[in-house]
PDB file of all heavy atoms in Angstrom:
ATOM      1  N   LEU A   1       0.861  -1.192   0.000  1.00  0.00           N
ATOM      2  CA  LEU A   1       0.000   0.000   0.000  1.00  0.00           C
ATOM      3  C   LEU A   1       0.893   1.236   0.000  1.00  0.00           C
ATOM      4  O   LEU A   1       1.672   1.440   0.936  1.00  0.00           O
ATOM      5  CB  LEU A   1      -0.900   0.023   1.232  1.00  0.00           C
ATOM      6  CG  LEU A   1      -2.061  -0.971   1.267  1.00  0.00           C
ATOM      7  CD1 LEU A   1      -2.674  -0.987   2.656  1.00  0.00           C
ATOM      8  CD2 LEU A   1      -3.115  -0.594   0.242  1.00  0.00           C
ATOM      9  N   SER A   2       0.775   2.057  -1.039  1.00  0.00           N
ATOM     10  CA  SER A   2       1.614   3.244  -1.150  1.00  0.00           C
ATOM     11  C   SER A   2       0.958   4.438  -0.463  1.00  0.00           C
ATOM     12  O   SER A   2      -0.166   4.830  -0.800  1.00  0.00           O
ATOM     13  CB  SER A   2       1.862   3.574  -2.626  1.00  0.00           C
ATOM     14  OG  SER A   2       2.522   4.825  -2.750  1.00  0.00           O
ATOM     15  N   GLY A   3       1.681   5.028   0.468  1.00  0.00           N
ATOM     16  CA  GLY A   3       1.181   6.235   1.131  1.00  0.00           C
ATOM     17  C   GLY A   3       1.195   7.452   0.236  1.00  0.00           C
ATOM     18  O   GLY A   3       0.569   8.472   0.546  1.00  0.00           O
ATOM     19  N   ASP A   4       1.895   7.368  -0.904  1.00  0.00           N
ATOM     20  CA  ASP A   4       1.918   8.459  -1.871  1.00  0.00           C
ATOM     21  C   ASP A   4       0.783   8.341  -2.879  1.00  0.00           C
ATOM     22  O   ASP A   4       0.609   9.247  -3.710  1.00  0.00           O
ATOM     23  CB  ASP A   4       3.251   8.480  -2.631  1.00  0.00           C
ATOM     24  CG  ASP A   4       4.420   8.829  -1.729  1.00  0.00           C
ATOM     25  OD1 ASP A   4       4.231   9.659  -0.819  1.00  0.00           O
ATOM     26  OD2 ASP A   4       5.515   8.261  -1.930  1.00  0.00           O
ATOM     27  N   GLY A   5       0.044   7.240  -2.839  1.00  0.00           N
ATOM     28  CA  GLY A   5      -0.986   7.007  -3.836  1.00  0.00           C
ATOM     29  C   GLY A   5      -2.400   7.231  -3.343  1.00  0.00           C
ATOM     30  O   GLY A   5      -3.361   6.791  -3.981  1.00  0.00           O
ATOM     31  N   ILE A   6      -2.555   7.923  -2.213  1.00  0.00           N
ATOM     32  CA  ILE A   6      -3.891   8.180  -1.668  1.00  0.00           C
ATOM     33  C   ILE A   6      -4.583   9.246  -2.501  1.00  0.00           C
ATOM     34  O   ILE A   6      -4.092  10.368  -2.633  1.00  0.00           O
ATOM     35  CB  ILE A   6      -3.807   8.620  -0.195  1.00  0.00           C
ATOM     36  CG1 ILE A   6      -3.120   7.530   0.637  1.00  0.00           C
ATOM     37  CG2 ILE A   6      -5.193   8.918   0.366  1.00  0.00           C
ATOM     38  CD1 ILE A   6      -2.868   7.927   2.079  1.00  0.00           C
ATOM     39  N   ARG A   7      -5.741   8.914  -3.080  1.00  0.00           N
ATOM     40  CA  ARG A   7      -6.445   9.860  -3.941  1.00  0.00           C
ATOM     41  C   ARG A   7      -7.531  10.630  -3.211  1.00  0.00           C
ATOM     42  O   ARG A   7      -8.097  11.578  -3.743  1.00  0.00           O
ATOM     43  CB  ARG A   7      -7.035   9.119  -5.148  1.00  0.00           C
ATOM     44  CG  ARG A   7      -5.938   8.592  -6.085  1.00  0.00           C
ATOM     45  CD  ARG A   7      -6.513   8.003  -7.353  1.00  0.00           C
ATOM     46  NE  ARG A   7      -7.269   6.796  -7.097  1.00  0.00           N
ATOM     47  CZ  ARG A   7      -8.541   6.609  -7.424  1.00  0.00           C
ATOM     48  NH1 ARG A   7      -9.212   7.573  -8.007  1.00  0.00           N
ATOM     49  NH2 ARG A   7      -9.137   5.466  -7.174  1.00  0.00           N
ATOM     50  N   THR A   8      -7.846  10.233  -1.995  1.00  0.00           N
ATOM     51  CA  THR A   8      -8.813  10.970  -1.186  1.00  0.00           C
ATOM     52  C   THR A   8      -8.172  12.263  -0.679  1.00  0.00           C
ATOM     53  O   THR A   8      -7.005  12.269  -0.293  1.00  0.00           O
ATOM     54  CB  THR A   8      -9.273  10.128   0.011  1.00  0.00           C
ATOM     55  OG1 THR A   8      -9.774   8.877  -0.455  1.00  0.00           O
ATOM     56  CG2 THR A   8     -10.363  10.851   0.797  1.00  0.00           C
ATOM     57  N   ARG A   9      -8.931  13.347  -0.687  1.00  0.00           N
ATOM     58  CA  ARG A   9      -8.431  14.641  -0.206  1.00  0.00           C
ATOM     59  C   ARG A   9      -8.884  14.903   1.222  1.00  0.00           C
ATOM     60  O   ARG A   9      -9.866  14.328   1.703  1.00  0.00           O
ATOM     61  CB  ARG A   9      -8.936  15.760  -1.120  1.00  0.00           C
ATOM     62  CG  ARG A   9      -8.367  15.684  -2.534  1.00  0.00           C
ATOM     63  CD  ARG A   9      -6.952  16.210  -2.585  1.00  0.00           C
ATOM     64  NE  ARG A   9      -6.332  16.090  -3.907  1.00  0.00           N
ATOM     65  CZ  ARG A   9      -5.223  16.695  -4.254  1.00  0.00           C
ATOM     66  NH1 ARG A   9      -4.599  17.482  -3.390  1.00  0.00           N
ATOM     67  NH2 ARG A   9      -4.710  16.513  -5.462  1.00  0.00           N
ATOM     68  N   GLY A  10      -8.162  15.774   1.899  1.00  0.00           N
ATOM     69  CA  GLY A  10      -8.512  16.146   3.254  1.00  0.00           C
ATOM     70  C   GLY A  10      -9.693  17.093   3.292  1.00  0.00           C
ATOM     71  O   GLY A  10     -10.267  17.463   2.264  1.00  0.00           O
ATOM     72  N   GLY A  11     -10.066  17.514   4.501  1.00  0.00           N
ATOM     73  CA  GLY A  11     -11.233  18.363   4.691  1.00  0.00           C
ATOM     74  C   GLY A  11     -11.139  19.701   3.988  1.00  0.00           C
ATOM     75  O   GLY A  11     -12.162  20.309   3.656  1.00  0.00           O
ATOM     76  N   ARG A  12      -9.956  20.192   3.726  1.00  0.00           N
ATOM     77  CA  ARG A  12      -9.747  21.461   3.026  1.00  0.00           C
ATOM     78  C   ARG A  12      -9.235  21.254   1.606  1.00  0.00           C
ATOM     79  O   ARG A  12      -8.714  22.180   0.994  1.00  0.00           O
ATOM     80  CB  ARG A  12      -8.785  22.347   3.817  1.00  0.00           C
ATOM     81  CG  ARG A  12      -9.315  22.754   5.185  1.00  0.00           C
ATOM     82  CD  ARG A  12      -8.325  23.645   5.910  1.00  0.00           C
ATOM     83  NE  ARG A  12      -8.820  24.062   7.203  1.00  0.00           N
ATOM     84  CZ  ARG A  12      -9.598  25.127   7.408  1.00  0.00           C
ATOM     85  NH1 ARG A  12      -9.955  25.878   6.375  1.00  0.00           N
ATOM     86  NH2 ARG A  12     -10.011  25.436   8.617  1.00  0.00           N
ATOM     87  N   GLY A  13      -9.383  20.035   1.130  1.00  0.00           N
ATOM     88  CA  GLY A  13      -8.952  19.739  -0.232  1.00  0.00           C
ATOM     89  C   GLY A  13      -7.475  19.463  -0.358  1.00  0.00           C
ATOM     90  O   GLY A  13      -6.953  19.331  -1.469  1.00  0.00           O
ATOM     91  N   GLU A  14      -6.775  19.366   0.784  1.00  0.00           N
ATOM     92  CA  GLU A  14      -5.336  19.148   0.733  1.00  0.00           C
ATOM     93  C   GLU A  14      -5.018  17.679   0.416  1.00  0.00           C
ATOM     94  O   GLU A  14      -5.814  16.784   0.698  1.00  0.00           O
ATOM     95  CB  GLU A  14      -4.680  19.538   2.055  1.00  0.00           C
ATOM     96  CG  GLU A  14      -4.962  18.597   3.225  1.00  0.00           C
ATOM     97  CD  GLU A  14      -6.264  18.874   3.943  1.00  0.00           C
ATOM     98  OE1 GLU A  14      -7.088  19.634   3.403  1.00  0.00           O
ATOM     99  OE2 GLU A  14      -6.447  18.319   5.046  1.00  0.00           O
ATOM    100  N   ARG A  15      -3.876  17.473  -0.178  1.00  0.00           N
ATOM    101  CA  ARG A  15      -3.422  16.120  -0.501  1.00  0.00           C
ATOM    102  C   ARG A  15      -3.025  15.400   0.778  1.00  0.00           C
ATOM    103  O   ARG A  15      -2.412  15.984   1.674  1.00  0.00           O
ATOM    104  CB  ARG A  15      -2.244  16.173  -1.467  1.00  0.00           C
ATOM    105  CG  ARG A  15      -1.736  14.815  -1.899  1.00  0.00           C
ATOM    106  CD  ARG A  15      -0.785  14.932  -3.078  1.00  0.00           C
ATOM    107  NE  ARG A  15      -0.271  13.612  -3.445  1.00  0.00           N
ATOM    108  CZ  ARG A  15       0.973  13.202  -3.244  1.00  0.00           C
ATOM    109  NH1 ARG A  15       1.846  14.039  -2.690  1.00  0.00           N
ATOM    110  NH2 ARG A  15       1.367  11.998  -3.605  1.00  0.00           N
ATOM    111  N   ILE A  16      -3.371  14.133   0.869  1.00  0.00           N
ATOM    112  CA  ILE A  16      -3.032  13.309   2.028  1.00  0.00           C
ATOM    113  C   ILE A  16      -1.882  12.380   1.644  1.00  0.00           C
ATOM    114  O   ILE A  16      -1.959  11.653   0.655  1.00  0.00           O
ATOM    115  CB  ILE A  16      -4.240  12.490   2.499  1.00  0.00           C
ATOM    116  CG1 ILE A  16      -5.387  13.417   2.910  1.00  0.00           C
ATOM    117  CG2 ILE A  16      -3.849  11.580   3.656  1.00  0.00           C
ATOM    118  CD1 ILE A  16      -6.662  12.686   3.278  1.00  0.00           C
ATOM    119  N   VAL A  17      -0.824  12.417   2.419  1.00  0.00           N
ATOM    120  CA  VAL A  17       0.331  11.554   2.197  1.00  0.00           C
ATOM    121  C   VAL A  17       0.615  10.798   3.485  1.00  0.00           C
ATOM    122  O   VAL A  17       0.552  11.359   4.583  1.00  0.00           O
ATOM    123  CB  VAL A  17       1.577  12.367   1.779  1.00  0.00           C
ATOM    124  CG1 VAL A  17       2.769  11.437   1.591  1.00  0.00           C
ATOM    125  CG2 VAL A  17       1.300  13.141   0.498  1.00  0.00           C
ATOM    126  N   ASP A  18       0.931   9.521   3.364  1.00  0.00           N
ATOM    127  CA  ASP A  18       1.139   8.684   4.542  1.00  0.00           C
ATOM    128  C   ASP A  18       2.353   7.788   4.313  1.00  0.00           C
ATOM    129  O   ASP A  18       2.967   7.804   3.237  1.00  0.00           O
ATOM    130  CB  ASP A  18      -0.115   7.837   4.797  1.00  0.00           C
ATOM    131  CG  ASP A  18      -0.123   7.179   6.166  1.00  0.00           C
ATOM    132  OD1 ASP A  18       0.725   7.537   7.018  1.00  0.00           O
ATOM    133  OD2 ASP A  18      -0.969   6.297   6.393  1.00  0.00           O
ATOM    134  N   ASP A  19       2.707   7.002   5.314  1.00  0.00           N
ATOM    135  CA  ASP A  19       3.720   5.979   5.148  1.00  0.00           C
ATOM    136  C   ASP A  19       3.199   4.901   4.199  1.00  0.00           C
ATOM    137  O   ASP A  19       1.989   4.771   3.992  1.00  0.00           O
ATOM    138  CB  ASP A  19       4.065   5.332   6.495  1.00  0.00           C
ATOM    139  CG  ASP A  19       4.758   6.288   7.440  1.00  0.00           C
ATOM    140  OD1 ASP A  19       5.452   7.202   6.953  1.00  0.00           O
ATOM    141  OD2 ASP A  19       4.615   6.113   8.662  1.00  0.00           O
ATOM    142  N   SER A  20       4.111   4.130   3.643  1.00  0.00           N
ATOM    143  CA  SER A  20       3.748   2.977   2.825  1.00  0.00           C
ATOM    144  C   SER A  20       3.966   1.712   3.647  1.00  0.00           C
ATOM    145  O   SER A  20       4.849   1.652   4.513  1.00  0.00           O
ATOM    146  CB  SER A  20       4.593   2.927   1.547  1.00  0.00           C
ATOM    147  OG  SER A  20       4.350   4.056   0.738  1.00  0.00           O
ATOM    148  N   PHE A  21       3.164   0.682   3.366  1.00  0.00           N
ATOM    149  CA  PHE A  21       3.223  -0.554   4.144  1.00  0.00           C
ATOM    150  C   PHE A  21       3.198  -1.772   3.234  1.00  0.00           C
ATOM    151  O   PHE A  21       2.615  -1.739   2.142  1.00  0.00           O
ATOM    152  CB  PHE A  21       2.042  -0.631   5.115  1.00  0.00           C
ATOM    153  CG  PHE A  21       2.098   0.353   6.243  1.00  0.00           C
ATOM    154  CD1 PHE A  21       1.561   1.628   6.094  1.00  0.00           C
ATOM    155  CD2 PHE A  21       2.685   0.019   7.455  1.00  0.00           C
ATOM    156  CE1 PHE A  21       1.609   2.546   7.129  1.00  0.00           C
ATOM    157  CE2 PHE A  21       2.732   0.934   8.491  1.00  0.00           C
ATOM    158  CZ  PHE A  21       2.193   2.200   8.334  1.00  0.00           C
ATOM    159  N   LEU A  22       3.814  -2.843   3.707  1.00  0.00           N
ATOM    160  CA  LEU A  22       3.778  -4.139   3.042  1.00  0.00           C
ATOM    161  C   LEU A  22       3.121  -5.127   3.991  1.00  0.00           C
ATOM    162  O   LEU A  22       3.608  -5.346   5.108  1.00  0.00           O
ATOM    163  CB  LEU A  22       5.195  -4.596   2.678  1.00  0.00           C
ATOM    164  CG  LEU A  22       5.311  -5.976   2.027  1.00  0.00           C
ATOM    165  CD1 LEU A  22       4.650  -5.985   0.650  1.00  0.00           C
ATOM    166  CD2 LEU A  22       6.774  -6.406   1.927  1.00  0.00           C
ATOM    167  N   LEU A  23       2.024  -5.726   3.555  1.00  0.00           N
ATOM    168  CA  LEU A  23       1.286  -6.695   4.356  1.00  0.00           C
ATOM    169  C   LEU A  23       1.538  -8.084   3.782  1.00  0.00           C
ATOM    170  O   LEU A  23       1.284  -8.330   2.594  1.00  0.00           O
ATOM    171  CB  LEU A  23      -0.205  -6.371   4.328  1.00  0.00           C
ATOM    172  CG  LEU A  23      -1.135  -7.309   5.100  1.00  0.00           C
ATOM    173  CD1 LEU A  23      -0.872  -7.201   6.596  1.00  0.00           C
ATOM    174  CD2 LEU A  23      -2.591  -6.977   4.794  1.00  0.00           C
ATOM    175  N   LEU A  24       2.036  -8.990   4.605  1.00  0.00           N
ATOM    176  CA  LEU A  24       2.338 -10.352   4.172  1.00  0.00           C
ATOM    177  C   LEU A  24       1.347 -11.320   4.809  1.00  0.00           C
ATOM    178  O   LEU A  24       1.133 -11.291   6.032  1.00  0.00           O
ATOM    179  CB  LEU A  24       3.763 -10.739   4.568  1.00  0.00           C
ATOM    180  CG  LEU A  24       4.882  -9.797   4.103  1.00  0.00           C
ATOM    181  CD1 LEU A  24       6.230 -10.327   4.571  1.00  0.00           C
ATOM    182  CD2 LEU A  24       4.853  -9.620   2.597  1.00  0.00           C
ATOM    183  N   LEU A  25       0.755 -12.169   3.990  1.00  0.00           N
ATOM    184  CA  LEU A  25      -0.209 -13.154   4.449  1.00  0.00           C
ATOM    185  C   LEU A  25       0.313 -14.544   4.108  1.00  0.00           C
ATOM    186  O   LEU A  25       0.616 -14.829   2.942  1.00  0.00           O
ATOM    187  CB  LEU A  25      -1.567 -12.938   3.771  1.00  0.00           C
ATOM    188  CG  LEU A  25      -2.213 -11.560   3.961  1.00  0.00           C
ATOM    189  CD1 LEU A  25      -3.344 -11.364   2.972  1.00  0.00           C
ATOM    190  CD2 LEU A  25      -2.722 -11.423   5.383  1.00  0.00           C
ATOM    191  N   HIS A  26       0.409 -15.397   5.112  1.00  0.00           N
ATOM    192  CA  HIS A  26       0.893 -16.767   4.891  1.00  0.00           C
ATOM    193  C   HIS A  26      -0.085 -17.747   5.532  1.00  0.00           C
ATOM    194  O   HIS A  26      -0.225 -17.781   6.761  1.00  0.00           O
ATOM    195  CB  HIS A  26       2.289 -16.944   5.488  1.00  0.00           C
ATOM    196  CG  HIS A  26       2.820 -18.329   5.369  1.00  0.00           C
ATOM    197  ND1 HIS A  26       2.771 -19.056   4.194  1.00  0.00           N
ATOM    198  CD2 HIS A  26       3.403 -19.155   6.292  1.00  0.00           C
ATOM    199  CE1 HIS A  26       3.293 -20.260   4.392  1.00  0.00           C
ATOM    200  NE2 HIS A  26       3.688 -20.335   5.651  1.00  0.00           N
ATOM    201  N   THR A  27      -0.760 -18.533   4.713  1.00  0.00           N
ATOM    202  CA  THR A  27      -1.758 -19.486   5.215  1.00  0.00           C
ATOM    203  C   THR A  27      -1.255 -20.924   5.214  1.00  0.00           C
ATOM    204  O   THR A  27      -1.994 -21.825   5.606  1.00  0.00           O
ATOM    205  CB  THR A  27      -3.037 -19.418   4.359  1.00  0.00           C
ATOM    206  OG1 THR A  27      -2.746 -19.877   3.027  1.00  0.00           O
ATOM    207  CG2 THR A  27      -3.575 -18.000   4.301  1.00  0.00           C
ATOM    208  N   GLY A  28      -0.029 -21.159   4.766  1.00  0.00           N
ATOM    209  CA  GLY A  28       0.489 -22.518   4.685  1.00  0.00           C
ATOM    210  C   GLY A  28       0.784 -23.117   6.046  1.00  0.00           C
ATOM    211  O   GLY A  28       0.973 -22.410   7.035  1.00  0.00           O
ATOM    212  N   PRO A  29       0.860 -24.461   6.119  1.00  0.00           N
ATOM    213  CA  PRO A  29       1.124 -25.146   7.391  1.00  0.00           C
ATOM    214  C   PRO A  29       2.606 -25.206   7.758  1.00  0.00           C
ATOM    215  O   PRO A  29       2.941 -25.661   8.855  1.00  0.00           O
ATOM    216  CB  PRO A  29       0.569 -26.550   7.142  1.00  0.00           C
ATOM    217  CG  PRO A  29       0.775 -26.767   5.683  1.00  0.00           C
ATOM    218  CD  PRO A  29       0.563 -25.420   5.035  1.00  0.00           C
ATOM    219  N   ASP A  30       3.483 -24.763   6.863  1.00  0.00           N
ATOM    220  CA  ASP A  30       4.929 -24.803   7.098  1.00  0.00           C
ATOM    221  C   ASP A  30       5.506 -23.395   6.995  1.00  0.00           C
ATOM    222  O   ASP A  30       4.927 -22.520   6.344  1.00  0.00           O
ATOM    223  CB  ASP A  30       5.608 -25.712   6.076  1.00  0.00           C
ATOM    224  CG  ASP A  30       5.081 -27.136   6.118  1.00  0.00           C
ATOM    225  OD1 ASP A  30       5.062 -27.717   7.217  1.00  0.00           O
ATOM    226  OD2 ASP A  30       4.687 -27.649   5.057  1.00  0.00           O
ATOM    227  N   PRO A  31       6.669 -23.167   7.608  1.00  0.00           N
ATOM    228  CA  PRO A  31       7.319 -21.854   7.467  1.00  0.00           C
ATOM    229  C   PRO A  31       7.622 -21.565   5.996  1.00  0.00           C
ATOM    230  O   PRO A  31       7.811 -22.478   5.191  1.00  0.00           O
ATOM    231  CB  PRO A  31       8.610 -22.007   8.278  1.00  0.00           C
ATOM    232  CG  PRO A  31       8.331 -23.122   9.238  1.00  0.00           C
ATOM    233  CD  PRO A  31       7.424 -24.061   8.513  1.00  0.00           C
ATOM    234  N   ALA A  32       7.654 -20.285   5.654  1.00  0.00           N
ATOM    235  CA  ALA A  32       7.915 -19.884   4.271  1.00  0.00           C
ATOM    236  C   ALA A  32       8.763 -18.610   4.266  1.00  0.00           C
ATOM    237  O   ALA A  32       8.591 -17.745   5.128  1.00  0.00           O
ATOM    238  CB  ALA A  32       6.614 -19.654   3.513  1.00  0.00           C
TER     239      ALA A  32
END
């Protein structure tokens, strides 16, 4: 998720910029 790619504007129409995050999902029964 890119914090530079937020297209929603703030209450005064200002650009919103945030940190970027990487979410990892592992459903397997063994380490990966």
